[in-house]
Amino acid sequence: MGKIILNTEELPENYKRIVSNKKKNIEDLHNLYCQIVDYNTWVLPSTGLLPVLNEDLHAKNFSMHLLNKIYVGNLPYHTTKSDIHKMFEIFGPISSISLSIEGKSKLYSKKFGFVEFENPNAAVLAIKEMNTYEVDGKALKVGRPANFPSFIPDDIKNPDKRIIYVSNIHEFIDQNQLLSIFECVGKVEQLNLMLNKNRSCHMGIAFIKYQNIDSADLSVSLYNNLSVGGKILKVCKTVIKQKMPSKEIFQDTITKLPNEVIKIIADLNSKLNDKTENECLVLKNMIMVDDLDEDFINEIKLELKKYGEILELKIVVFQPTLLQYTILKEGDKKDVEVYCLFRNSESVNHCYRIMDGRYFGGRRIYAESIPKSEFNSI
């Protein structure tokens, strides 16, 4: 067996080269992190920040469909593709669904899947809304797949903040009715209700461009989770830079919901007017009475203080049989409601935008502003 001869003169240079490569990797990770923070939209994959791959450095190798794809984990064993479709179709049209199982035991196997939407806005909405969502007692794990691109081309990574994406639109709502709802918060420059391939009906999604960013911000906070015709709208800012889709012409002679649309507009206008005066915010569906303890109270106080000065905080439960709010009693099996009286209405509006639709312990929070007089009557 021959001897291994080391060239000791080359060792320092090799060490320097290794250190230089490691330093370059760290710089790449830092730049990637800064890019994600600046963009403030993309969700990191569960595997964490990955080094920038050579193939990602060129836009020609960038695959748009990866932006449309999400990972769904911790699924119940009996979950089918049809179940997944029903859960996620509210966020937008779905291109494909795949399911896999790790292990052979029903008790210990892990079921997971991938959902690919037809646009990246639906994917971002689904991650925000469905991560930790409980199905048969199991909290879903929803995020980006491990192969989510670390490089976003410059020509798409800075979206127009005036454009919003709307999904889960009722099949009988037409473009004019949708416009009458969304123009309540500001001047709409363009609204496009997207048609299916046959152009026979719309796809349940729309893109709306406002004249200014403030109107778009208010639209997202006000219309997300709004019920129209029994369907809950899903609304978010668009997540990639794009031109407004070409104007679709859709004239539907069926108009089953005009009265409801008119009522919604009236309610929205009322809410917009009330928000400037209300100083109290109500948070519903956070926890059950059995889960109420000092830790929860301290945690919610710390959270609400982020949005403004708190004058008073009340933890109450609604008793439907008494038609009034009462102090909690041991043994009640009702939902807990949090009433927070802020110093001013600006704090209420800020807190409402952040908390409404947010998830806490697998439960979706519903926020509502009320006048101080109602708070005092509790």
Protein backbone atom coordinates (compact mmCIF):
# COMPACT_ATOMS: atom_id res chain seq x y z
CA MET A 1 0.00 0.00 0.00
CA GLY A 2 1.46 3.35 -1.08
CA LYS A 3 2.04 6.23 1.29
CA ILE A 4 -0.23 9.27 1.26
CA ILE A 5 1.89 12.36 0.82
CA LEU A 6 0.44 15.72 1.91
CA ASN A 7 1.68 18.94 0.47
CA THR A 8 1.84 20.99 3.68
CA GLU A 9 2.50 24.16 1.72
CA GLU A 10 -0.96 23.96 0.11
CA LEU A 11 -2.86 23.35 3.38
CA PRO A 12 -3.13 27.02 4.44
CA GLU A 13 -4.47 27.93 1.01
CA ASN A 14 -7.03 25.12 1.18
CA TYR A 15 -8.18 26.31 4.61
CA LYS A 16 -8.52 29.84 3.31
CA ARG A 17 -10.56 28.59 0.37
CA ILE A 18 -12.90 26.59 2.65
CA VAL A 19 -13.36 29.55 5.00
CA SER A 20 -14.04 31.84 2.06
CA ASN A 21 -16.70 29.47 0.68
CA LYS A 22 -18.40 29.19 4.07
CA LYS A 23 -18.36 32.96 4.45
CA LYS A 24 -19.93 33.30 1.01
CA ASN A 25 -22.69 30.84 2.02
CA ILE A 26 -23.43 32.88 5.15
CA GLU A 27 -23.60 36.09 3.11
CA ASP A 28 -25.99 34.42 0.66
CA LEU A 29 -28.22 33.33 3.54
CA HIS A 30 -28.17 36.82 5.02
CA ASN A 31 -29.04 38.43 1.69
CA LEU A 32 -31.85 35.93 1.19
CA TYR A 33 -33.22 36.66 4.66
CA CYS A 34 -33.12 40.44 4.02
CA GLN A 35 -34.87 39.90 0.70
CA ILE A 36 -37.69 37.96 2.37
CA VAL A 37 -38.05 40.51 5.19
CA ASP A 38 -38.20 43.39 2.70
CA TYR A 39 -40.76 41.58 0.58
CA ASN A 40 -42.82 40.75 3.68
CA THR A 41 -45.03 38.23 1.91
CA TRP A 42 -43.29 34.96 1.19
CA VAL A 43 -43.59 32.21 3.78
CA LEU A 44 -40.37 30.42 4.66
CA PRO A 45 -40.30 26.66 4.05
CA SER A 46 -40.35 24.49 7.17
CA THR A 47 -36.78 23.42 6.38
CA GLY A 48 -35.61 26.99 6.96
CA LEU A 49 -33.46 29.21 4.78
CA LEU A 50 -31.65 27.23 2.11
CA PRO A 51 -28.51 28.36 0.29
CA VAL A 52 -29.15 30.01 -3.05
CA LEU A 53 -28.83 27.33 -5.72
CA ASN A 54 -27.07 28.08 -8.97
CA GLU A 55 -30.15 27.20 -11.01
CA ASP A 56 -32.15 29.73 -8.99
CA LEU A 57 -29.86 32.58 -9.93
CA HIS A 58 -31.23 32.80 -13.45
CA ALA A 59 -34.79 33.78 -14.21
CA LYS A 60 -34.87 31.41 -17.17
CA ASN A 61 -34.75 28.48 -14.72
CA PHE A 62 -37.37 29.96 -12.40
CA SER A 63 -40.59 27.93 -12.28
CA MET A 64 -43.74 29.94 -11.58
CA HIS A 65 -45.77 26.88 -10.65
CA LEU A 66 -43.70 26.45 -7.46
CA LEU A 67 -45.21 29.69 -6.17
CA ASN A 68 -48.65 28.12 -6.55
CA LYS A 69 -47.83 25.00 -4.54
CA ILE A 70 -48.31 24.34 -0.81
CA TYR A 71 -47.55 21.49 1.56
CA VAL A 72 -50.34 20.12 3.78
CA GLY A 73 -49.24 17.89 6.65
CA ASN A 74 -50.68 16.13 9.71
CA LEU A 75 -53.76 15.04 7.78
CA PRO A 76 -56.18 12.50 9.30
CA TYR A 77 -55.54 9.02 7.92
CA HIS A 78 -58.89 8.81 6.14
CA THR A 79 -58.45 12.12 4.24
CA THR A 80 -59.14 11.90 0.49
CA LYS A 81 -58.34 14.19 -2.43
CA SER A 82 -61.98 15.20 -2.46
CA ASP A 83 -61.71 16.26 1.19
CA ILE A 84 -58.63 18.35 0.41
CA HIS A 85 -60.35 19.96 -2.56
CA LYS A 86 -63.35 20.96 -0.44
CA MET A 87 -61.07 22.48 2.22
CA PHE A 88 -58.90 24.53 -0.12
CA GLU A 89 -61.08 25.44 -3.12
CA ILE A 90 -62.32 28.57 -1.34
CA PHE A 91 -58.92 30.18 -1.95
CA GLY A 92 -58.99 29.75 -5.72
CA PRO A 93 -58.99 27.23 -8.60
CA ILE A 94 -56.87 24.13 -7.94
CA SER A 95 -54.66 22.55 -10.61
CA SER A 96 -53.67 19.35 -8.85
CA ILE A 97 -53.69 17.49 -5.52
CA SER A 98 -51.41 14.66 -4.43
CA LEU A 99 -51.48 12.60 -1.22
CA SER A 100 -48.84 10.37 0.40
CA ILE A 101 -48.52 8.26 3.54
CA GLU A 102 -45.46 7.58 5.69
CA GLY A 103 -45.80 4.26 7.51
CA LYS A 104 -48.33 1.43 7.28
CA SER A 105 -50.16 1.71 10.61
CA LYS A 106 -53.37 3.73 10.74
CA LEU A 107 -52.46 4.78 14.27
CA TYR A 108 -48.90 5.94 13.64
CA SER A 109 -48.78 6.74 9.94
CA LYS A 110 -48.33 10.33 8.81
CA LYS A 111 -50.46 11.49 5.91
CA PHE A 112 -49.50 14.58 3.94
CA GLY A 113 -50.11 16.09 0.55
CA PHE A 114 -49.45 18.90 -1.89
CA VAL A 115 -51.97 21.29 -3.38
CA GLU A 116 -51.16 23.31 -6.48
CA PHE A 117 -53.36 26.31 -7.23
CA GLU A 118 -53.66 28.18 -10.51
CA ASN A 119 -52.24 31.38 -9.01
CA PRO A 120 -49.80 32.25 -6.18
CA ASN A 121 -52.28 34.51 -4.36
CA ALA A 122 -54.45 31.49 -3.53
CA ALA A 123 -51.42 29.68 -2.12
CA VAL A 124 -50.51 32.55 0.22
CA LEU A 125 -54.12 32.87 1.40
CA ALA A 126 -54.32 29.13 2.07
CA ILE A 127 -51.15 29.15 4.17
CA LYS A 128 -52.32 32.09 6.27
CA GLU A 129 -55.81 30.70 6.81
CA MET A 130 -55.26 26.95 7.08
CA ASN A 131 -52.02 26.49 9.03
CA THR A 132 -53.03 25.03 12.45
CA TYR A 133 -56.63 24.63 11.22
CA GLU A 134 -58.10 21.64 13.06
CA VAL A 135 -59.53 18.64 11.19
CA ASP A 136 -60.84 15.78 13.32
CA GLY A 137 -58.82 17.06 16.27
CA LYS A 138 -55.57 17.34 14.30
CA ALA A 139 -53.96 20.71 13.59
CA LEU A 140 -52.93 20.91 9.94
CA LYS A 141 -49.40 21.96 9.06
CA VAL A 142 -49.64 24.12 5.95
CA GLY A 143 -46.63 25.84 4.40
CA ARG A 144 -44.28 25.97 1.46
CA PRO A 145 -42.72 22.77 0.08
CA ALA A 146 -38.99 22.24 0.58
CA ASN A 147 -38.30 23.07 -3.09
CA PHE A 148 -39.89 26.51 -2.82
CA PRO A 149 -37.58 28.80 -4.82
CA SER A 150 -35.09 30.84 -2.83
CA PHE A 151 -34.81 33.33 -5.68
CA ILE A 152 -37.73 35.48 -6.83
CA PRO A 153 -37.07 37.31 -10.12
CA ASP A 154 -37.02 41.10 -9.86
CA ASP A 155 -39.72 41.47 -12.50
CA ILE A 156 -42.36 39.83 -10.27
CA LYS A 157 -41.28 40.25 -6.64
CA ASN A 158 -42.61 43.77 -6.03
CA PRO A 159 -46.42 43.64 -6.40
CA ASP A 160 -48.63 46.67 -6.94
CA LYS A 161 -50.01 47.34 -3.46
CA ARG A 162 -53.21 48.78 -4.93
CA ILE A 163 -54.31 45.43 -6.38
CA ILE A 164 -56.22 42.87 -4.31
CA TYR A 165 -57.19 39.27 -5.00
CA VAL A 166 -60.70 38.02 -4.14
CA SER A 167 -61.79 34.36 -4.09
CA ASN A 168 -64.85 32.25 -3.23
CA ILE A 169 -67.23 34.62 -5.04
CA HIS A 170 -70.81 33.37 -5.38
CA GLU A 171 -71.60 32.02 -8.85
CA PHE A 172 -74.54 34.40 -9.30
CA ILE A 173 -72.63 37.57 -8.39
CA ASP A 174 -71.76 39.50 -11.54
CA GLN A 175 -69.11 42.14 -12.15
CA ASN A 176 -71.37 45.13 -11.51
CA GLN A 177 -72.65 43.70 -8.23
CA LEU A 178 -69.12 42.94 -7.09
CA LEU A 179 -68.05 46.47 -7.98
CA SER A 180 -70.94 47.94 -5.99
CA ILE A 181 -69.64 46.09 -2.92
CA PHE A 182 -65.94 46.86 -3.22
CA GLU A 183 -66.18 50.50 -4.25
CA CYS A 184 -67.61 51.32 -0.80
CA VAL A 185 -64.08 51.77 0.54
CA GLY A 186 -62.61 53.81 -2.31
CA LYS A 187 -62.34 54.51 -6.01
CA VAL A 188 -61.87 51.33 -8.08
CA GLU A 189 -59.79 51.80 -11.23
CA GLN A 190 -60.37 48.31 -12.58
CA LEU A 191 -62.23 45.15 -11.56
CA ASN A 192 -61.91 41.91 -13.49
CA LEU A 193 -64.05 38.88 -12.66
CA MET A 194 -62.21 35.93 -14.20
CA LEU A 195 -64.06 33.55 -16.53
CA ASN A 196 -63.53 29.82 -16.93
CA LYS A 197 -62.06 28.37 -20.12
CA ASN A 198 -65.47 28.02 -21.76
CA ARG A 199 -66.33 31.63 -20.82
CA SER A 200 -69.70 30.31 -19.67
CA CYS A 201 -69.35 31.43 -16.04
CA HIS A 202 -66.80 33.04 -13.77
CA MET A 203 -64.21 31.08 -11.78
CA GLY A 204 -65.11 32.60 -8.41
CA ILE A 205 -62.06 34.87 -8.34
CA ALA A 206 -61.45 38.51 -9.20
CA PHE A 207 -58.67 41.09 -9.28
CA ILE A 208 -59.47 44.62 -8.14
CA LYS A 209 -57.22 47.65 -8.57
CA TYR A 210 -57.89 50.68 -6.37
CA GLN A 211 -56.83 54.24 -6.99
CA ASN A 212 -54.73 54.32 -3.81
CA ILE A 213 -53.07 51.93 -1.36
CA ASP A 214 -55.15 52.98 1.66
CA SER A 215 -58.34 51.84 -0.06
CA ALA A 216 -56.76 48.48 -0.86
CA ASP A 217 -55.61 48.06 2.76
CA LEU A 218 -59.08 48.86 4.09
CA SER A 219 -60.67 46.55 1.55
CA VAL A 220 -58.58 43.59 2.73
CA SER A 221 -59.31 44.22 6.41
CA LEU A 222 -63.03 44.79 5.85
CA TYR A 223 -63.99 42.27 3.16
CA ASN A 224 -61.88 39.24 4.09
CA ASN A 225 -64.25 36.65 5.65
CA LEU A 226 -67.33 38.67 4.62
CA SER A 227 -70.34 36.46 3.83
CA VAL A 228 -71.95 37.13 0.45
CA GLY A 229 -74.75 34.81 -0.61
CA GLY A 230 -73.73 32.25 1.99
CA LYS A 231 -70.12 32.09 0.75
CA ILE A 232 -67.23 33.59 2.74
CA LEU A 233 -65.06 35.90 0.63
CA LYS A 234 -61.29 35.52 0.89
CA VAL A 235 -59.34 38.70 0.19
CA CYS A 236 -55.63 39.55 0.18
CA LYS A 237 -53.10 41.79 -1.53
CA THR A 238 -51.61 40.28 -4.68
CA VAL A 239 -48.23 38.71 -3.93
CA ILE A 240 -46.42 39.09 -7.25
CA LYS A 241 -45.95 41.98 -9.62
CA GLN A 242 -48.42 41.62 -12.47
CA LYS A 243 -50.55 43.56 -14.86
CA MET A 244 -54.26 43.47 -14.28
CA PRO A 245 -55.68 40.49 -16.22
CA SER A 246 -57.39 41.40 -19.48
CA LYS A 247 -60.93 42.63 -18.97
CA GLU A 248 -63.44 39.79 -19.03
CA ILE A 249 -66.91 40.34 -20.44
CA PHE A 250 -69.47 38.45 -18.43
CA GLN A 251 -73.13 39.30 -18.74
CA ASP A 252 -75.26 37.00 -16.61
CA THR A 253 -78.99 37.38 -16.96
CA ILE A 254 -79.51 35.63 -13.60
CA THR A 255 -79.46 38.06 -10.71
CA LYS A 256 -80.51 36.18 -7.60
CA LEU A 257 -78.75 38.34 -5.03
CA PRO A 258 -79.39 42.06 -5.68
CA ASN A 259 -81.32 42.62 -2.44
CA GLU A 260 -78.59 40.98 -0.40
CA VAL A 261 -75.92 43.03 -2.15
CA ILE A 262 -77.79 46.23 -1.32
CA LYS A 263 -78.05 45.15 2.33
CA ILE A 264 -74.34 44.33 2.44
CA ILE A 265 -73.46 47.74 1.03
CA ALA A 266 -75.62 49.42 3.67
CA ASP A 267 -74.01 47.34 6.43
CA LEU A 268 -70.52 48.10 5.15
CA ASN A 269 -71.17 51.82 4.95
CA SER A 270 -72.52 51.67 8.50
CA LYS A 271 -69.41 49.82 9.69
CA LEU A 272 -67.14 52.34 8.00
CA ASN A 273 -68.92 55.20 9.72
CA ASP A 274 -69.02 53.46 13.09
CA LYS A 275 -65.33 52.54 13.10
CA THR A 276 -64.29 56.16 13.47
CA GLU A 277 -66.16 56.44 16.78
CA ASN A 278 -65.99 53.04 18.44
CA GLU A 279 -63.40 52.64 21.18
CA CYS A 280 -64.07 49.02 22.13
CA LEU A 281 -63.06 45.84 20.33
CA VAL A 282 -64.67 42.44 20.87
CA LEU A 283 -62.72 39.24 20.17
CA LYS A 284 -64.86 36.12 19.77
CA ASN A 285 -64.21 32.39 19.34
CA MET A 286 -60.76 32.51 20.96
CA ILE A 287 -61.12 29.82 23.64
CA MET A 288 -63.65 27.75 25.56
CA VAL A 289 -64.40 28.46 29.20
CA ASP A 290 -62.49 25.37 30.35
CA ASP A 291 -59.31 26.83 28.83
CA LEU A 292 -59.61 30.18 30.58
CA ASP A 293 -56.84 30.83 33.11
CA GLU A 294 -54.44 33.52 34.31
CA ASP A 295 -51.94 32.64 31.58
CA PHE A 296 -54.51 33.37 28.87
CA ILE A 297 -55.52 36.68 30.48
CA ASN A 298 -51.90 37.82 30.78
CA GLU A 299 -51.16 36.70 27.22
CA ILE A 300 -54.12 38.55 25.72
CA LYS A 301 -53.26 41.70 27.69
CA LEU A 302 -49.71 41.70 26.34
CA GLU A 303 -50.98 41.16 22.80
CA LEU A 304 -53.60 43.93 22.90
CA LYS A 305 -51.16 46.44 24.41
CA LYS A 306 -49.26 46.32 21.12
CA TYR A 307 -52.07 48.26 19.44
CA GLY A 308 -52.66 51.06 21.94
CA GLU A 309 -53.36 52.04 25.52
CA ILE A 310 -55.92 49.82 27.23
CA LEU A 311 -58.36 51.46 29.63
CA GLU A 312 -60.21 48.32 30.68
CA LEU A 313 -60.39 44.64 29.78
CA LYS A 314 -63.37 42.35 30.39
CA ILE A 315 -63.58 38.58 29.97
CA VAL A 316 -67.22 37.53 29.59
CA VAL A 317 -69.42 34.80 28.15
CA PHE A 318 -72.69 35.09 26.27
CA GLN A 319 -75.68 33.26 27.73
CA PRO A 320 -78.19 32.83 24.87
CA THR A 321 -81.02 31.89 27.23
CA LEU A 322 -80.66 35.09 29.25
CA LEU A 323 -79.96 37.35 26.26
CA GLN A 324 -77.34 39.20 28.23
CA TYR A 325 -73.66 39.09 29.06
CA THR A 326 -72.75 37.68 32.45
CA ILE A 327 -69.66 37.02 34.52
CA LEU A 328 -68.22 33.57 33.92
CA LYS A 329 -69.20 30.83 36.37
CA GLU A 330 -67.29 27.61 36.92
CA GLY A 331 -68.70 24.83 34.80
CA ASP A 332 -70.07 26.96 31.95
CA LYS A 333 -69.44 25.36 28.54
CA LYS A 334 -69.57 28.52 26.44
CA ASP A 335 -67.14 30.44 24.28
CA VAL A 336 -65.14 33.16 26.00
CA GLU A 337 -65.37 36.68 24.58
CA VAL A 338 -62.78 39.39 25.21
CA TYR A 339 -63.90 43.03 25.45
CA CYS A 340 -61.12 45.61 25.28
CA LEU A 341 -61.70 49.33 25.80
CA PHE A 342 -58.90 51.33 24.14
CA ARG A 343 -57.99 54.97 24.66
CA ASN A 344 -58.98 55.88 21.10
CA SER A 345 -60.62 54.53 17.95
CA GLU A 346 -57.31 54.43 16.03
CA SER A 347 -56.13 51.65 18.34
CA VAL A 348 -59.39 49.79 17.76
CA ASN A 349 -59.03 50.01 13.98
CA HIS A 350 -55.40 48.89 14.13
CA CYS A 351 -56.19 45.93 16.39
CA TYR A 352 -59.20 44.97 14.25
CA ARG A 353 -57.09 44.77 11.08
CA ILE A 354 -54.56 42.48 12.77
CA MET A 355 -56.80 40.25 14.89
CA ASP A 356 -59.87 39.65 12.71
CA GLY A 357 -59.50 36.30 10.93
CA ARG A 358 -56.34 35.41 12.82
CA TYR A 359 -55.96 31.94 14.38
CA PHE A 360 -55.44 31.26 18.09
CA GLY A 361 -55.01 27.68 19.28
CA GLY A 362 -56.55 26.37 16.06
CA ARG A 363 -59.63 28.62 16.35
CA ARG A 364 -60.41 31.50 13.99
CA ILE A 365 -60.83 34.82 15.81
CA TYR A 366 -63.74 37.09 14.91
CA ALA A 367 -63.26 40.76 15.80
CA GLU A 368 -65.91 43.46 16.02
CA SER A 369 -65.89 47.08 17.15
CA ILE A 370 -68.67 48.38 19.41
CA PRO A 371 -69.44 51.76 21.02
CA LYS A 372 -68.26 52.55 24.54
CA SER A 373 -71.86 52.69 25.77
CA GLU A 374 -72.33 49.01 24.91
CA PHE A 375 -69.08 48.13 26.68
CA ASN A 376 -70.24 49.96 29.81
CA SER A 377 -73.54 48.09 29.80
CA ILE A 378 -71.84 44.72 30.14
